[in-house]
C-alpha atoms as a PDB file:
ATOM      1  CA  ALA A   1      -0.323   0.081   0.124  1.00  0.00           C
ATOM      2  CA  LYS A   2       2.707   2.480   0.642  1.00  0.00           C
ATOM      3  CA  LEU A   3       4.397   2.269  -2.328  1.00  0.00           C
ATOM      4  CA  HIS A   4       1.853   2.503  -4.256  1.00  0.00           C
ATOM      5  CA  ASP A   5       0.819   5.780  -2.029  1.00  0.00           C
ATOM      6  CA  ILE A   6       4.328   6.919  -3.436  1.00  0.00           C
ATOM      7  CA  LEU A   7       4.210   5.877  -6.682  1.00  0.00           C
ATOM      8  CA  GLN A   8       0.366   7.827  -6.935  1.00  0.00           C
ATOM      9  CA  SER A   9       1.794  11.293  -5.427  1.00  0.00           C
ATOM     10  CA  SER A  10       5.686  11.403  -6.340  1.00  0.00           C
ATOM     11  CA  GLN A  11       5.882  11.594  -2.498  1.00  0.00           C
ATOM     12  CA  PHE A  12       6.618  10.248   1.110  1.00  0.00           C
ATOM     13  CA  GLN A  13       7.106  10.796   4.209  1.00  0.00           C
ATOM     14  CA  ARG A  14      10.190  10.061   6.150  1.00  0.00           C
ATOM     15  CA  PRO A  15       9.482   8.152   9.503  1.00  0.00           C
ATOM     16  CA  GLY A  16       8.076  10.953  12.673  1.00  0.00           C
ATOM     17  CA  ASP A  17       8.326  13.738  10.159  1.00  0.00           C
ATOM     18  CA  THR A  18       5.481  16.308   9.579  1.00  0.00           C
ATOM     19  CA  GLY A  19       5.718  17.107   5.749  1.00  0.00           C
ATOM     20  CA  HIS A  20       6.199  15.781   2.839  1.00  0.00           C
ATOM     21  CA  THR A  21       9.352  14.977   0.802  1.00  0.00           C
ATOM     22  CA  PRO A  22       9.023  15.135  -3.257  1.00  0.00           C
ATOM     23  CA  VAL A  23      10.931  12.069  -5.409  1.00  0.00           C
ATOM     24  CA  SER A  24      11.109  11.719  -8.741  1.00  0.00           C
ATOM     25  CA  LEU A  25      11.582   7.851  -9.267  1.00  0.00           C
ATOM     26  CA  ILE A  26      11.362   4.794 -12.376  1.00  0.00           C
ATOM     27  CA  VAL A  27      10.588   1.786 -10.796  1.00  0.00           C
ATOM     28  CA  VAL A  28      12.193  -1.363 -12.444  1.00  0.00           C
ATOM     29  CA  ALA A  29      10.972  -4.185 -11.852  1.00  0.00           C
ATOM     30  CA  THR A  30      11.225  -8.362 -12.436  1.00  0.00           C
ATOM     31  CA  THR A  31       9.207 -11.240 -11.910  1.00  0.00           C
ATOM     32  CA  ALA A  32       8.561 -14.267 -13.296  1.00  0.00           C
ATOM     33  CA  ARG A  33       5.465 -14.637 -13.259  1.00  0.00           C
ATOM     34  CA  ASP A  34       2.415 -13.923 -15.087  1.00  0.00           C
ATOM     35  CA  LEU A  35       1.087 -10.288 -12.694  1.00  0.00           C
ATOM     36  CA  SER A  36      -2.338 -10.245 -14.702  1.00  0.00           C
ATOM     37  CA  SER A  37      -3.257 -13.762 -13.019  1.00  0.00           C
ATOM     38  CA  GLU A  38      -1.810 -12.490 -10.033  1.00  0.00           C
ATOM     39  CA  VAL A  39      -4.299  -9.950 -10.385  1.00  0.00           C
ATOM     40  CA  ARG A  40      -6.963 -11.953 -10.982  1.00  0.00           C
ATOM     41  CA  ALA A  41      -6.342 -15.113  -8.719  1.00  0.00           C
ATOM     42  CA  GLY A  42      -6.441 -11.913  -6.445  1.00  0.00           C
ATOM     43  CA  ARG A  43      -2.643 -12.604  -4.824  1.00  0.00           C
ATOM     44  CA  PHE A  44      -1.051  -9.553  -6.020  1.00  0.00           C
ATOM     45  CA  ARG A  45      -2.989  -6.115  -6.143  1.00  0.00           C
ATOM     46  CA  GLN A  46      -4.642  -4.619  -8.245  1.00  0.00           C
ATOM     47  CA  ASP A  47      -4.546  -1.312  -7.723  1.00  0.00           C
ATOM     48  CA  LEU A  48      -0.177  -1.777  -7.538  1.00  0.00           C
ATOM     49  CA  TYR A  49      -0.384  -3.875 -11.158  1.00  0.00           C
ATOM     50  CA  PHE A  50      -1.963  -1.388 -12.470  1.00  0.00           C
ATOM     51  CA  ALA A  51       1.005   1.504 -11.262  1.00  0.00           C
ATOM     52  CA  LEU A  52       4.083  -0.358 -12.187  1.00  0.00           C
ATOM     53  CA  ASN A  53       2.953  -1.944 -15.567  1.00  0.00           C
ATOM     54  CA  VAL A  54       3.932   1.772 -17.005  1.00  0.00           C
ATOM     55  CA  PHE A  55       5.890  -0.478 -19.847  1.00  0.00           C
ATOM     56  CA  SER A  56       5.929  -4.449 -20.198  1.00  0.00           C
ATOM     57  CA  ILE A  57       8.856  -6.518 -21.661  1.00  0.00           C
ATOM     58  CA  GLN A  58       8.033  -9.795 -21.992  1.00  0.00           C
ATOM     59  CA  CYS A  59      12.079 -11.379 -22.333  1.00  0.00           C
ATOM     60  CA  GLU A  60      12.623 -15.089 -22.773  1.00  0.00           C
ATOM     61  CA  PRO A  61      14.425 -17.942 -20.173  1.00  0.00           C
ATOM     62  CA  LEU A  62      17.926 -18.236 -20.704  1.00  0.00           C
ATOM     63  CA  ARG A  63      17.219 -21.873 -22.303  1.00  0.00           C
ATOM     64  CA  ASN A  64      14.684 -20.339 -25.049  1.00  0.00           C
ATOM     65  CA  ARG A  65      17.952 -17.873 -26.185  1.00  0.00           C
ATOM     66  CA  PRO A  66      20.903 -19.658 -26.527  1.00  0.00           C
ATOM     67  CA  GLU A  67      22.637 -17.022 -28.901  1.00  0.00           C
ATOM     68  CA  ASP A  68      22.553 -15.086 -25.829  1.00  0.00           C
ATOM     69  CA  ILE A  69      24.289 -17.711 -23.268  1.00  0.00           C
ATOM     70  CA  PRO A  70      28.158 -15.795 -25.390  1.00  0.00           C
ATOM     71  CA  TYR A  71      28.401 -12.391 -23.962  1.00  0.00           C
ATOM     72  CA  LEU A  72      26.317 -12.597 -20.714  1.00  0.00           C
ATOM     73  CA  ALA A  73      29.147 -15.294 -19.694  1.00  0.00           C
ATOM     74  CA  LYS A  74      31.265 -12.906 -21.275  1.00  0.00           C
ATOM     75  CA  HIS A  75      29.334  -9.870 -19.449  1.00  0.00           C
ATOM     76  CA  PHE A  76      30.066 -11.740 -16.630  1.00  0.00           C
ATOM     77  CA  LEU A  77      33.642 -13.046 -15.927  1.00  0.00           C
ATOM     78  CA  ASP A  78      35.025  -9.657 -16.710  1.00  0.00           C
ATOM     79  CA  ARG A  79      32.508  -8.274 -13.837  1.00  0.00           C
ATOM     80  CA  MET A  80      33.666 -10.526 -11.344  1.00  0.00           C
ATOM     81  CA  THR A  81      37.980 -11.012 -11.869  1.00  0.00           C
ATOM     82  CA  ARG A  82      37.305  -7.046 -12.359  1.00  0.00           C
ATOM     83  CA  ARG A  83      35.291  -6.842  -8.382  1.00  0.00           C
ATOM     84  CA  LEU A  84      37.650  -9.965  -7.008  1.00  0.00           C
ATOM     85  CA  ARG A  85      40.685  -8.417  -8.473  1.00  0.00           C
ATOM     86  CA  LEU A  86      41.418 -12.184  -9.928  1.00  0.00           C
ATOM     87  CA  PRO A  87      44.018 -12.594 -13.070  1.00  0.00           C
ATOM     88  CA  GLN A  88      42.193 -12.073 -16.483  1.00  0.00           C
ATOM     89  CA  THR A  89      40.753 -15.501 -17.443  1.00  0.00           C
ATOM     90  CA  ARG A  90      39.116 -16.115 -21.107  1.00  0.00           C
ATOM     91  CA  LEU A  91      35.983 -17.584 -22.425  1.00  0.00           C
ATOM     92  CA  THR A  92      36.366 -21.253 -24.680  1.00  0.00           C
ATOM     93  CA  ARG A  93      34.628 -22.233 -27.235  1.00  0.00           C
ATOM     94  CA  ALA A  94      34.706 -25.374 -25.176  1.00  0.00           C
ATOM     95  CA  ASN A  95      32.974 -23.777 -21.919  1.00  0.00           C
ATOM     96  CA  ILE A  96      30.390 -21.361 -23.868  1.00  0.00           C
ATOM     97  CA  GLU A  97      29.074 -25.389 -26.103  1.00  0.00           C
ATOM     98  CA  VAL A  98      28.997 -26.094 -22.407  1.00  0.00           C
ATOM     99  CA  LEU A  99      27.112 -23.473 -20.575  1.00  0.00           C
ATOM    100  CA  GLU A 100      25.132 -23.738 -24.218  1.00  0.00           C
ATOM    101  CA  GLN A 101      23.333 -27.308 -23.520  1.00  0.00           C
ATOM    102  CA  TYR A 102      22.477 -27.393 -19.833  1.00  0.00           C
ATOM    103  CA  PRO A 103      18.789 -25.505 -19.835  1.00  0.00           C
ATOM    104  CA  TRP A 104      19.680 -22.652 -16.639  1.00  0.00           C
ATOM    105  CA  PRO A 105      16.509 -23.664 -15.036  1.00  0.00           C
ATOM    106  CA  GLY A 106      17.988 -20.635 -12.330  1.00  0.00           C
ATOM    107  CA  ASN A 107      17.527 -18.798 -15.323  1.00  0.00           C
ATOM    108  CA  VAL A 108      20.405 -15.278 -16.131  1.00  0.00           C
ATOM    109  CA  ARG A 109      21.191 -14.979 -12.170  1.00  0.00           C
ATOM    110  CA  GLU A 110      21.496 -18.686 -11.458  1.00  0.00           C
ATOM    111  CA  LEU A 111      24.643 -18.161 -15.018  1.00  0.00           C
ATOM    112  CA  GLU A 112      26.287 -15.720 -13.480  1.00  0.00           C
ATOM    113  CA  ASN A 113      26.249 -17.597  -9.892  1.00  0.00           C
ATOM    114  CA  VAL A 114      27.662 -20.475 -12.491  1.00  0.00           C
ATOM    115  CA  ILE A 115      30.348 -17.878 -13.521  1.00  0.00           C
ATOM    116  CA  GLU A 116      31.626 -15.435 -10.158  1.00  0.00           C
ATOM    117  CA  ARG A 117      31.778 -19.524  -8.776  1.00  0.00           C
ATOM    118  CA  ALA A 118      33.378 -20.796 -12.607  1.00  0.00           C
ATOM    119  CA  ALA A 119      36.202 -17.512 -11.632  1.00  0.00           C
ATOM    120  CA  ILE A 120      37.075 -18.098  -7.678  1.00  0.00           C
ATOM    121  CA  LEU A 121      37.451 -21.009  -8.581  1.00  0.00           C
ATOM    122  CA  ALA A 122      39.463 -21.199 -11.883  1.00  0.00           C
ATOM    123  CA  GLN A 123      43.303 -22.904 -11.667  1.00  0.00           C
ATOM    124  CA  GLY A 124      46.203 -21.342 -14.210  1.00  0.00           C
ATOM    125  CA  GLY A 125      42.773 -19.376 -15.909  1.00  0.00           C
ATOM    126  CA  ARG A 126      41.126 -22.133 -16.156  1.00  0.00           C
ATOM    127  CA  LEU A 127      37.349 -22.121 -16.343  1.00  0.00           C
ATOM    128  CA  GLU A 128      35.356 -25.409 -14.421  1.00  0.00           C
ATOM    129  CA  PHE A 129      32.088 -24.906 -14.328  1.00  0.00           C
ATOM    130  CA  ASP A 130      30.259 -26.968 -11.041  1.00  0.00           C
ATOM    131  CA  PHE A 131      25.952 -27.006 -12.515  1.00  0.00           C
ATOM    132  CA  GLN A 132      24.266 -26.961  -8.476  1.00  0.00           C
ATOM    133  CA  PHE A 133      21.226 -28.086  -9.891  1.00  0.00           C
ATOM    134  CA  SER A 134      20.334 -30.950 -12.175  1.00  0.00           C
ATOM    135  CA  VAL A 135      16.944 -30.792 -14.052  1.00  0.00           C
ATOM    136  CA  SER A 136      15.474 -34.875 -12.920  1.00  0.00           C
ATOM    137  CA  PRO A 137      14.110 -36.486 -16.620  1.00  0.00           C
ATOM    138  CA  SER A 138      11.588 -37.829 -14.126  1.00  0.00           C
ATOM    139  CA  THR A 139      11.008 -34.128 -13.577  1.00  0.00           C
ATOM    140  CA  HIS A 140      11.185 -32.344 -16.303  1.00  0.00           C
ATOM    141  CA  ALA A 141      10.253 -35.226 -18.860  1.00  0.00           C
ATOM    142  CA  THR A 142       7.925 -32.078 -21.608  1.00  0.00           C
ATOM    143  CA  ASP A 143      11.355 -29.848 -21.201  1.00  0.00           C
ATOM    144  CA  ASP A 144      12.546 -32.846 -23.648  1.00  0.00           C
ATOM    145  CA  VAL A 145       9.464 -31.941 -26.369  1.00  0.00           C
ATOM    146  CA  LEU A 146      10.519 -28.707 -28.651  1.00  0.00           C
ATOM    147  CA  THR A 147       7.290 -26.712 -29.716  1.00  0.00           C
ATOM    148  CA  GLN A 148       6.621 -25.634 -33.327  1.00  0.00           C
ATOM    149  CA  LYS A 149       9.109 -22.166 -32.207  1.00  0.00           C
ATOM    150  CA  GLU A 150      11.652 -23.474 -30.422  1.00  0.00           C
ATOM    151  CA  LEU A 151      11.932 -25.992 -33.166  1.00  0.00           C
ATOM    152  CA  ARG A 152      12.022 -22.644 -35.620  1.00  0.00           C
ATOM    153  CA  ASP A 153      14.747 -20.815 -33.356  1.00  0.00           C
ATOM    154  CA  LEU A 154      16.687 -22.662 -33.263  1.00  0.00           C
ATOM    155  CA  GLU A 155      16.994 -24.050 -37.332  1.00  0.00           C
ATOM    156  CA  ARG A 156      17.222 -19.753 -37.341  1.00  0.00           C
ATOM    157  CA  ARG A 157      20.335 -20.395 -34.910  1.00  0.00           C
ATOM    158  CA  ASN A 158      21.857 -23.772 -36.893  1.00  0.00           C
ATOM    159  CA  LEU A 159      21.643 -22.131 -40.096  1.00  0.00           C
ATOM    160  CA  GLU A 160      22.239 -18.196 -39.518  1.00  0.00           C
ATOM    161  CA  ASN A 161      25.697 -20.509 -37.773  1.00  0.00           C
ATOM    162  CA  ALA A 162      26.264 -22.042 -40.718  1.00  0.00           C
ATOM    163  CA  LEU A 163      26.374 -19.367 -42.706  1.00  0.00           C
ATOM    164  CA  SER A 164      28.636 -17.726 -40.300  1.00  0.00           C
ATOM    165  CA  ARG A 165      30.975 -20.364 -41.504  1.00  0.00           C
ATOM    166  CA  THR A 166      30.946 -19.765 -44.449  1.00  0.00           C
ATOM    167  CA  ASN A 167      30.895 -15.789 -44.586  1.00  0.00           C
ATOM    168  CA  GLY A 168      27.909 -15.793 -45.996  1.00  0.00           C
ATOM    169  CA  LYS A 169      28.309 -18.303 -48.967  1.00  0.00           C
ATOM    170  CA  VAL A 170      25.317 -20.750 -49.565  1.00  0.00           C
ATOM    171  CA  SER A 171      25.760 -23.063 -53.065  1.00  0.00           C
ATOM    172  CA  GLY A 172      28.564 -25.069 -53.729  1.00  0.00           C
ATOM    173  CA  GLU A 173      31.222 -27.186 -52.002  1.00  0.00           C
ATOM    174  CA  GLN A 174      32.024 -24.629 -49.269  1.00  0.00           C
ATOM    175  CA  GLY A 175      29.049 -23.346 -48.732  1.00  0.00           C
ATOM    176  CA  ALA A 176      26.433 -23.627 -45.859  1.00  0.00           C
ATOM    177  CA  ALA A 177      23.325 -26.223 -47.832  1.00  0.00           C
ATOM    178  CA  ALA A 178      26.607 -28.668 -48.117  1.00  0.00           C
ATOM    179  CA  MET A 179      27.864 -28.040 -44.066  1.00  0.00           C
ATOM    180  CA  LEU A 180      23.560 -28.709 -43.749  1.00  0.00           C
END
């Protein structure tokens, strides 16, 4: 209720203070839940939902966008080595392949934690990943079935990778078509 009041009035009252303090703020909030469903179910305040939902960005889970993994991993690794003053460590293609194969049930935050652990434990600049969460096939069997959109996305990434490796050459012995 207090957050909603601050968002609506653009002012707040400090504890013990008699006056109100004006505030200019932007709130960035994230959730893995569908808040509109939570509002309908009575588990999230409708007035707060409308106050927060000025601009909504839907983002696919990390497992559905493995092309982002190399960039995120490099960013997290660079940030960790700077922040913790660790020796410079590089991500190898083999590292990226391991990261791209993992289903990332903890999403981007899990990737960040995995990279941080690997950076701290790196021996001689070699990264080894310790995945704290393992997916049980029996409990996540539906994850083995790809949706039509996931299949199209996977096929598109495969085509893009083939074209990238062949420098855009489509046909011929060294072309993407022969590779595929």
